[in-house]
């Protein structure tokens, strides 16, 4: 596969080139190693394209997982406790989960709610999400997950890998695509979400 388009939010690509160009090259190598045509194995049951061979999100995700794992990229999980008190949240967000709980209880939260998020691949504080899912999953990645990991000090940059519209046209309906998601980010303004991002649009 190839990178057909890219969008750098809050100097995400520039940060990657200057501070972790070796990891950027690894990401490019992984993408180039995937033979998408090999995973055009899903038989459509949708009325408009019934019987057509489509790209399989499950098998494509598995192929990316294998390639990133071989290069020591690992899933990361961020555990935290919820508070609706903004001051307490800002003070506790970078604490380890156990310390967060103790801190919140000491400051008047009788029963802090435990929660967590996990991201596909992280290496040296660079996160990568490979997303062949529905629109809502990408919005969660871009506006919640990457931001949460960033504010918690787990990552310095979030990378989102998405199919372009050209590739998405050969997938089941409802799959998010690069152009649409970049548009959603751009319309929020220059500083939202407040986390450096690199969004990559890929295709065969």
C-alpha atoms as a PDB file:
ATOM      1  CA  UNK A   1       0.000   0.000   0.000  1.00  0.00           C
ATOM      2  CA  UNK A   2       1.018   3.621  -0.287  1.00  0.00           C
ATOM      3  CA  UNK A   3       0.462   6.921   1.512  1.00  0.00           C
ATOM      4  CA  UNK A   4      -1.679   8.867  -0.944  1.00  0.00           C
ATOM      5  CA  UNK A   5      -2.429  11.879   1.285  1.00  0.00           C
ATOM      6  CA  UNK A   6      -1.386  13.256   4.648  1.00  0.00           C
ATOM      7  CA  UNK A   7      -2.524  15.986   7.011  1.00  0.00           C
ATOM      8  CA  UNK A   8      -0.395  17.439   9.796  1.00  0.00           C
ATOM      9  CA  UNK A   9      -2.339  18.957  12.707  1.00  0.00           C
ATOM     10  CA  UNK A  10      -0.470  21.196  15.186  1.00  0.00           C
ATOM     11  CA  UNK A  11       2.830  20.351  13.447  1.00  0.00           C
ATOM     12  CA  UNK A  12       2.403  16.620  14.010  1.00  0.00           C
ATOM     13  CA  UNK A  13       4.434  15.532  10.987  1.00  0.00           C
ATOM     14  CA  UNK A  14       7.102  18.138  11.654  1.00  0.00           C
ATOM     15  CA  UNK A  15       7.490  16.841  15.227  1.00  0.00           C
ATOM     16  CA  UNK A  16       7.812  13.296  13.936  1.00  0.00           C
ATOM     17  CA  UNK A  17      10.441  14.218  11.325  1.00  0.00           C
ATOM     18  CA  UNK A  18      12.569  16.229  13.758  1.00  0.00           C
ATOM     19  CA  UNK A  19      12.337  14.018  16.855  1.00  0.00           C
ATOM     20  CA  UNK A  20      11.464  10.506  15.651  1.00  0.00           C
ATOM     21  CA  UNK A  21      12.213  10.250  11.952  1.00  0.00           C
ATOM     22  CA  UNK A  22      13.250   6.625  12.459  1.00  0.00           C
ATOM     23  CA  UNK A  23       9.739   5.802  13.679  1.00  0.00           C
ATOM     24  CA  UNK A  24       8.202   7.728  10.785  1.00  0.00           C
ATOM     25  CA  UNK A  25      10.234   5.568   8.428  1.00  0.00           C
ATOM     26  CA  UNK A  26       8.990   2.451  10.244  1.00  0.00           C
ATOM     27  CA  UNK A  27       5.382   3.572   9.798  1.00  0.00           C
ATOM     28  CA  UNK A  28       6.002   4.131   6.087  1.00  0.00           C
ATOM     29  CA  UNK A  29       7.685   0.739   5.795  1.00  0.00           C
ATOM     30  CA  UNK A  30       4.764  -1.024   7.463  1.00  0.00           C
ATOM     31  CA  UNK A  31       2.262   0.624   5.115  1.00  0.00           C
ATOM     32  CA  UNK A  32       4.380  -0.261   2.064  1.00  0.00           C
ATOM     33  CA  UNK A  33       4.625  -3.888   3.217  1.00  0.00           C
ATOM     34  CA  UNK A  34       0.845  -4.466   3.130  1.00  0.00           C
ATOM     35  CA  UNK A  35      -0.491  -6.008  -0.087  1.00  0.00           C
ATOM     36  CA  UNK A  36      -4.099  -4.823   0.108  1.00  0.00           C
ATOM     37  CA  UNK A  37      -5.221  -6.874  -2.892  1.00  0.00           C
ATOM     38  CA  UNK A  38      -4.368  -9.999  -0.920  1.00  0.00           C
ATOM     39  CA  UNK A  39      -7.068  -9.050   1.572  1.00  0.00           C
ATOM     40  CA  UNK A  40      -9.816  -8.277  -0.911  1.00  0.00           C
ATOM     41  CA  UNK A  41     -11.641 -11.309   0.423  1.00  0.00           C
ATOM     42  CA  UNK A  42     -14.942 -10.016   1.803  1.00  0.00           C
ATOM     43  CA  UNK A  43     -17.962 -10.948  -0.327  1.00  0.00           C
ATOM     44  CA  UNK A  44     -20.505  -8.136  -0.224  1.00  0.00           C
ATOM     45  CA  UNK A  45     -24.075  -8.860   0.815  1.00  0.00           C
ATOM     46  CA  UNK A  46     -25.214  -5.272   0.266  1.00  0.00           C
ATOM     47  CA  UNK A  47     -27.915  -4.977  -2.357  1.00  0.00           C
ATOM     48  CA  UNK A  48     -26.109  -2.420  -4.511  1.00  0.00           C
ATOM     49  CA  UNK A  49     -22.853  -4.395  -4.717  1.00  0.00           C
ATOM     50  CA  UNK A  50     -23.921  -7.946  -3.836  1.00  0.00           C
ATOM     51  CA  UNK A  51     -21.309 -10.541  -4.713  1.00  0.00           C
ATOM     52  CA  UNK A  52     -18.447  -8.063  -5.174  1.00  0.00           C
ATOM     53  CA  UNK A  53     -15.088  -8.701  -3.554  1.00  0.00           C
ATOM     54  CA  UNK A  54     -14.324  -5.992  -0.986  1.00  0.00           C
ATOM     55  CA  UNK A  55     -11.336  -5.214   1.195  1.00  0.00           C
ATOM     56  CA  UNK A  56     -11.689  -6.997   4.536  1.00  0.00           C
ATOM     57  CA  UNK A  57     -11.173  -4.646   7.526  1.00  0.00           C
ATOM     58  CA  UNK A  58     -10.560  -7.582   9.878  1.00  0.00           C
ATOM     59  CA  UNK A  59      -7.825  -9.115   7.734  1.00  0.00           C
ATOM     60  CA  UNK A  60      -6.234  -5.751   6.930  1.00  0.00           C
ATOM     61  CA  UNK A  61      -6.108  -4.908  10.637  1.00  0.00           C
ATOM     62  CA  UNK A  62      -4.515  -8.287  11.361  1.00  0.00           C
ATOM     63  CA  UNK A  63      -1.869  -7.666   8.687  1.00  0.00           C
ATOM     64  CA  UNK A  64      -1.010  -4.254  10.140  1.00  0.00           C
ATOM     65  CA  UNK A  65      -0.920  -5.702  13.656  1.00  0.00           C
ATOM     66  CA  UNK A  66       1.583  -8.337  12.593  1.00  0.00           C
ATOM     67  CA  UNK A  67       3.872  -5.826  10.878  1.00  0.00           C
ATOM     68  CA  UNK A  68       3.838  -3.289  13.706  1.00  0.00           C
ATOM     69  CA  UNK A  69       4.277  -5.986  16.367  1.00  0.00           C
ATOM     70  CA  UNK A  70       7.335  -7.346  14.579  1.00  0.00           C
ATOM     71  CA  UNK A  71       8.884  -3.898  14.962  1.00  0.00           C
ATOM     72  CA  UNK A  72       8.156  -3.759  18.723  1.00  0.00           C
ATOM     73  CA  UNK A  73       5.173  -1.424  18.590  1.00  0.00           C
ATOM     74  CA  UNK A  74       2.918  -2.386  21.485  1.00  0.00           C
ATOM     75  CA  UNK A  75      -0.641  -1.765  22.587  1.00  0.00           C
ATOM     76  CA  UNK A  76      -0.845   0.799  25.375  1.00  0.00           C
ATOM     77  CA  UNK A  77      -3.522   1.144  28.019  1.00  0.00           C
ATOM     78  CA  UNK A  78      -4.182   4.304  30.016  1.00  0.00           C
ATOM     79  CA  UNK A  79      -6.043   3.803  33.308  1.00  0.00           C
ATOM     80  CA  UNK A  80      -7.677   6.741  35.045  1.00  0.00           C
ATOM     81  CA  UNK A  81     -10.389   7.849  37.452  1.00  0.00           C
ATOM     82  CA  UNK A  82     -13.217  10.159  36.458  1.00  0.00           C
ATOM     83  CA  UNK A  83     -14.068  13.379  38.244  1.00  0.00           C
ATOM     84  CA  UNK A  84     -16.294  16.207  37.040  1.00  0.00           C
ATOM     85  CA  UNK A  85     -14.397  18.708  39.157  1.00  0.00           C
ATOM     86  CA  UNK A  86     -12.202  20.501  36.607  1.00  0.00           C
ATOM     87  CA  UNK A  87      -9.560  21.592  39.124  1.00  0.00           C
ATOM     88  CA  UNK A  88      -9.161  18.059  40.487  1.00  0.00           C
ATOM     89  CA  UNK A  89      -9.083  16.628  36.970  1.00  0.00           C
ATOM     90  CA  UNK A  90      -6.320  18.961  35.831  1.00  0.00           C
ATOM     91  CA  UNK A  91      -4.256  18.185  38.934  1.00  0.00           C
ATOM     92  CA  UNK A  92      -4.698  14.415  38.771  1.00  0.00           C
ATOM     93  CA  UNK A  93      -4.642  13.638  35.048  1.00  0.00           C
ATOM     94  CA  UNK A  94      -0.897  12.860  34.871  1.00  0.00           C
ATOM     95  CA  UNK A  95      -0.792  10.858  38.107  1.00  0.00           C
ATOM     96  CA  UNK A  96      -0.687   7.038  38.034  1.00  0.00           C
ATOM     97  CA  UNK A  97      -4.207   5.601  38.402  1.00  0.00           C
ATOM     98  CA  UNK A  98      -3.720   4.497  42.021  1.00  0.00           C
ATOM     99  CA  UNK A  99      -2.506   7.953  43.010  1.00  0.00           C
ATOM    100  CA  UNK A 100      -5.407   9.539  41.127  1.00  0.00           C
ATOM    101  CA  UNK A 101      -7.904   7.551  43.182  1.00  0.00           C
ATOM    102  CA  UNK A 102      -6.272   8.419  46.488  1.00  0.00           C
ATOM    103  CA  UNK A 103      -5.966  12.077  45.509  1.00  0.00           C
ATOM    104  CA  UNK A 104      -9.618  12.335  44.466  1.00  0.00           C
ATOM    105  CA  UNK A 105     -10.884  10.658  47.630  1.00  0.00           C
ATOM    106  CA  UNK A 106      -8.736  12.939  49.789  1.00  0.00           C
ATOM    107  CA  UNK A 107     -10.236  15.931  47.983  1.00  0.00           C
ATOM    108  CA  UNK A 108     -13.898  15.081  48.358  1.00  0.00           C
ATOM    109  CA  UNK A 109     -14.722  12.519  45.641  1.00  0.00           C
ATOM    110  CA  UNK A 110     -16.226   9.672  47.726  1.00  0.00           C
ATOM    111  CA  UNK A 111     -16.385   7.065  44.920  1.00  0.00           C
ATOM    112  CA  UNK A 112     -14.161   7.897  41.934  1.00  0.00           C
ATOM    113  CA  UNK A 113     -15.213   6.010  38.783  1.00  0.00           C
ATOM    114  CA  UNK A 114     -12.503   3.842  37.212  1.00  0.00           C
ATOM    115  CA  UNK A 115     -12.101   3.857  33.427  1.00  0.00           C
ATOM    116  CA  UNK A 116      -9.471   3.210  30.755  1.00  0.00           C
ATOM    117  CA  UNK A 117      -8.639   3.589  27.082  1.00  0.00           C
ATOM    118  CA  UNK A 118      -6.239   1.660  24.911  1.00  0.00           C
ATOM    119  CA  UNK A 119      -4.502   2.457  21.659  1.00  0.00           C
ATOM    120  CA  UNK A 120      -3.319   0.043  18.956  1.00  0.00           C
ATOM    121  CA  UNK A 121       0.394   0.775  18.852  1.00  0.00           C
ATOM    122  CA  UNK A 122       2.769   2.962  20.854  1.00  0.00           C
ATOM    123  CA  UNK A 123       6.540   3.284  20.658  1.00  0.00           C
ATOM    124  CA  UNK A 124       8.654   6.014  22.276  1.00  0.00           C
ATOM    125  CA  UNK A 125       5.496   8.047  22.962  1.00  0.00           C
ATOM    126  CA  UNK A 126       4.331   7.932  19.336  1.00  0.00           C
ATOM    127  CA  UNK A 127       0.855   6.404  18.959  1.00  0.00           C
ATOM    128  CA  UNK A 128      -0.569   4.784  15.833  1.00  0.00           C
ATOM    129  CA  UNK A 129      -4.200   3.844  15.267  1.00  0.00           C
ATOM    130  CA  UNK A 130      -5.069   1.843  12.142  1.00  0.00           C
ATOM    131  CA  UNK A 131      -8.732   2.487  11.493  1.00  0.00           C
ATOM    132  CA  UNK A 132     -10.904   0.638   8.994  1.00  0.00           C
ATOM    133  CA  UNK A 133     -14.011   0.977  11.146  1.00  0.00           C
ATOM    134  CA  UNK A 134     -17.102   3.162  11.229  1.00  0.00           C
ATOM    135  CA  UNK A 135     -17.069   6.954  11.393  1.00  0.00           C
ATOM    136  CA  UNK A 136     -17.735   7.057  15.136  1.00  0.00           C
ATOM    137  CA  UNK A 137     -14.587   5.060  15.922  1.00  0.00           C
ATOM    138  CA  UNK A 138     -12.372   7.570  14.119  1.00  0.00           C
ATOM    139  CA  UNK A 139     -14.016  10.549  15.819  1.00  0.00           C
ATOM    140  CA  UNK A 140     -13.380   8.863  19.167  1.00  0.00           C
ATOM    141  CA  UNK A 141      -9.719   8.305  18.238  1.00  0.00           C
ATOM    142  CA  UNK A 142      -9.137  11.885  17.125  1.00  0.00           C
ATOM    143  CA  UNK A 143     -11.167  13.837  19.649  1.00  0.00           C
ATOM    144  CA  UNK A 144     -11.013  11.603  22.740  1.00  0.00           C
ATOM    145  CA  UNK A 145      -8.425   8.826  22.737  1.00  0.00           C
ATOM    146  CA  UNK A 146      -5.330  10.608  21.351  1.00  0.00           C
ATOM    147  CA  UNK A 147      -6.135  13.687  23.438  1.00  0.00           C
ATOM    148  CA  UNK A 148      -6.542  11.624  26.615  1.00  0.00           C
ATOM    149  CA  UNK A 149      -3.222   9.840  26.098  1.00  0.00           C
ATOM    150  CA  UNK A 150      -1.549  13.159  25.263  1.00  0.00           C
ATOM    151  CA  UNK A 151      -2.876  15.023  28.307  1.00  0.00           C
ATOM    152  CA  UNK A 152      -1.941  12.019  30.471  1.00  0.00           C
ATOM    153  CA  UNK A 153       1.671  12.210  29.298  1.00  0.00           C
ATOM    154  CA  UNK A 154       1.547   8.772  27.631  1.00  0.00           C
ATOM    155  CA  UNK A 155       2.145  10.067  24.077  1.00  0.00           C
ATOM    156  CA  UNK A 156       3.533  13.150  22.345  1.00  0.00           C
ATOM    157  CA  UNK A 157       1.845  12.514  18.988  1.00  0.00           C
ATOM    158  CA  UNK A 158      -1.144  10.624  17.654  1.00  0.00           C
ATOM    159  CA  UNK A 159      -1.040   9.059  14.179  1.00  0.00           C
ATOM    160  CA  UNK A 160      -4.228   7.923  12.444  1.00  0.00           C
ATOM    161  CA  UNK A 161      -4.073   5.644   9.388  1.00  0.00           C
ATOM    162  CA  UNK A 162      -7.230   5.689   7.258  1.00  0.00           C
ATOM    163  CA  UNK A 163      -8.297   4.499   3.801  1.00  0.00           C
ATOM    164  CA  UNK A 164      -8.769   7.225   1.204  1.00  0.00           C
ATOM    165  CA  UNK A 165     -12.156   7.651  -0.444  1.00  0.00           C
ATOM    166  CA  UNK A 166     -10.780   5.752  -3.434  1.00  0.00           C
ATOM    167  CA  UNK A 167     -10.103   2.704  -1.262  1.00  0.00           C
ATOM    168  CA  UNK A 168     -13.183   3.133   0.902  1.00  0.00           C
ATOM    169  CA  UNK A 169     -15.325   2.837  -2.233  1.00  0.00           C
ATOM    170  CA  UNK A 170     -14.195  -0.798  -2.346  1.00  0.00           C
ATOM    171  CA  UNK A 171     -15.239  -1.504   1.252  1.00  0.00           C
ATOM    172  CA  UNK A 172     -18.531  -1.991   3.064  1.00  0.00           C
ATOM    173  CA  UNK A 173     -20.703   1.095   3.540  1.00  0.00           C
ATOM    174  CA  UNK A 174     -20.130   3.162   6.662  1.00  0.00           C
ATOM    175  CA  UNK A 175     -16.337   2.839   6.760  1.00  0.00           C
ATOM    176  CA  UNK A 176     -14.637   6.139   7.566  1.00  0.00           C
ATOM    177  CA  UNK A 177     -12.306   7.661   4.996  1.00  0.00           C
ATOM    178  CA  UNK A 178      -9.385  10.094   5.069  1.00  0.00           C
ATOM    179  CA  UNK A 179     -10.929  13.062   3.258  1.00  0.00           C
ATOM    180  CA  UNK A 180     -14.064  13.095   5.392  1.00  0.00           C
ATOM    181  CA  UNK A 181     -12.203  12.828   8.684  1.00  0.00           C
ATOM    182  CA  UNK A 182      -9.631  15.488   7.810  1.00  0.00           C
ATOM    183  CA  UNK A 183     -12.512  17.785   6.871  1.00  0.00           C
ATOM    184  CA  UNK A 184     -14.058  17.139  10.296  1.00  0.00           C
ATOM    185  CA  UNK A 185     -10.798  18.125  11.987  1.00  0.00           C
ATOM    186  CA  UNK A 186     -10.312  21.224   9.828  1.00  0.00           C
ATOM    187  CA  UNK A 187     -13.805  22.569  10.474  1.00  0.00           C
ATOM    188  CA  UNK A 188     -13.147  22.508  14.251  1.00  0.00           C
ATOM    189  CA  UNK A 189     -10.510  25.222  13.856  1.00  0.00           C
ATOM    190  CA  UNK A 190      -6.731  25.288  13.929  1.00  0.00           C
ATOM    191  CA  UNK A 191      -6.312  24.292  17.589  1.00  0.00           C
ATOM    192  CA  UNK A 192      -8.931  21.561  18.038  1.00  0.00           C
ATOM    193  CA  UNK A 193      -8.304  18.891  19.101  1.00  0.00           C
ATOM    194  CA  UNK A 194      -5.415  20.239  21.216  1.00  0.00           C
ATOM    195  CA  UNK A 195      -3.023  17.393  20.429  1.00  0.00           C
ATOM    196  CA  UNK A 196      -0.460  17.042  17.618  1.00  0.00           C
ATOM    197  CA  UNK A 197      -1.756  14.606  14.979  1.00  0.00           C
ATOM    198  CA  UNK A 198      -0.593  13.087  11.726  1.00  0.00           C
ATOM    199  CA  UNK A 199      -3.436  11.683   9.630  1.00  0.00           C
ATOM    200  CA  UNK A 200      -2.411   9.404   6.762  1.00  0.00           C
ATOM    201  CA  UNK A 201      -4.662   8.432   3.853  1.00  0.00           C
ATOM    202  CA  UNK A 202      -3.632   5.090   2.374  1.00  0.00           C
ATOM    203  CA  UNK A 203      -4.692   3.066  -0.648  1.00  0.00           C
ATOM    204  CA  UNK A 204      -3.433   0.159  -2.803  1.00  0.00           C
END
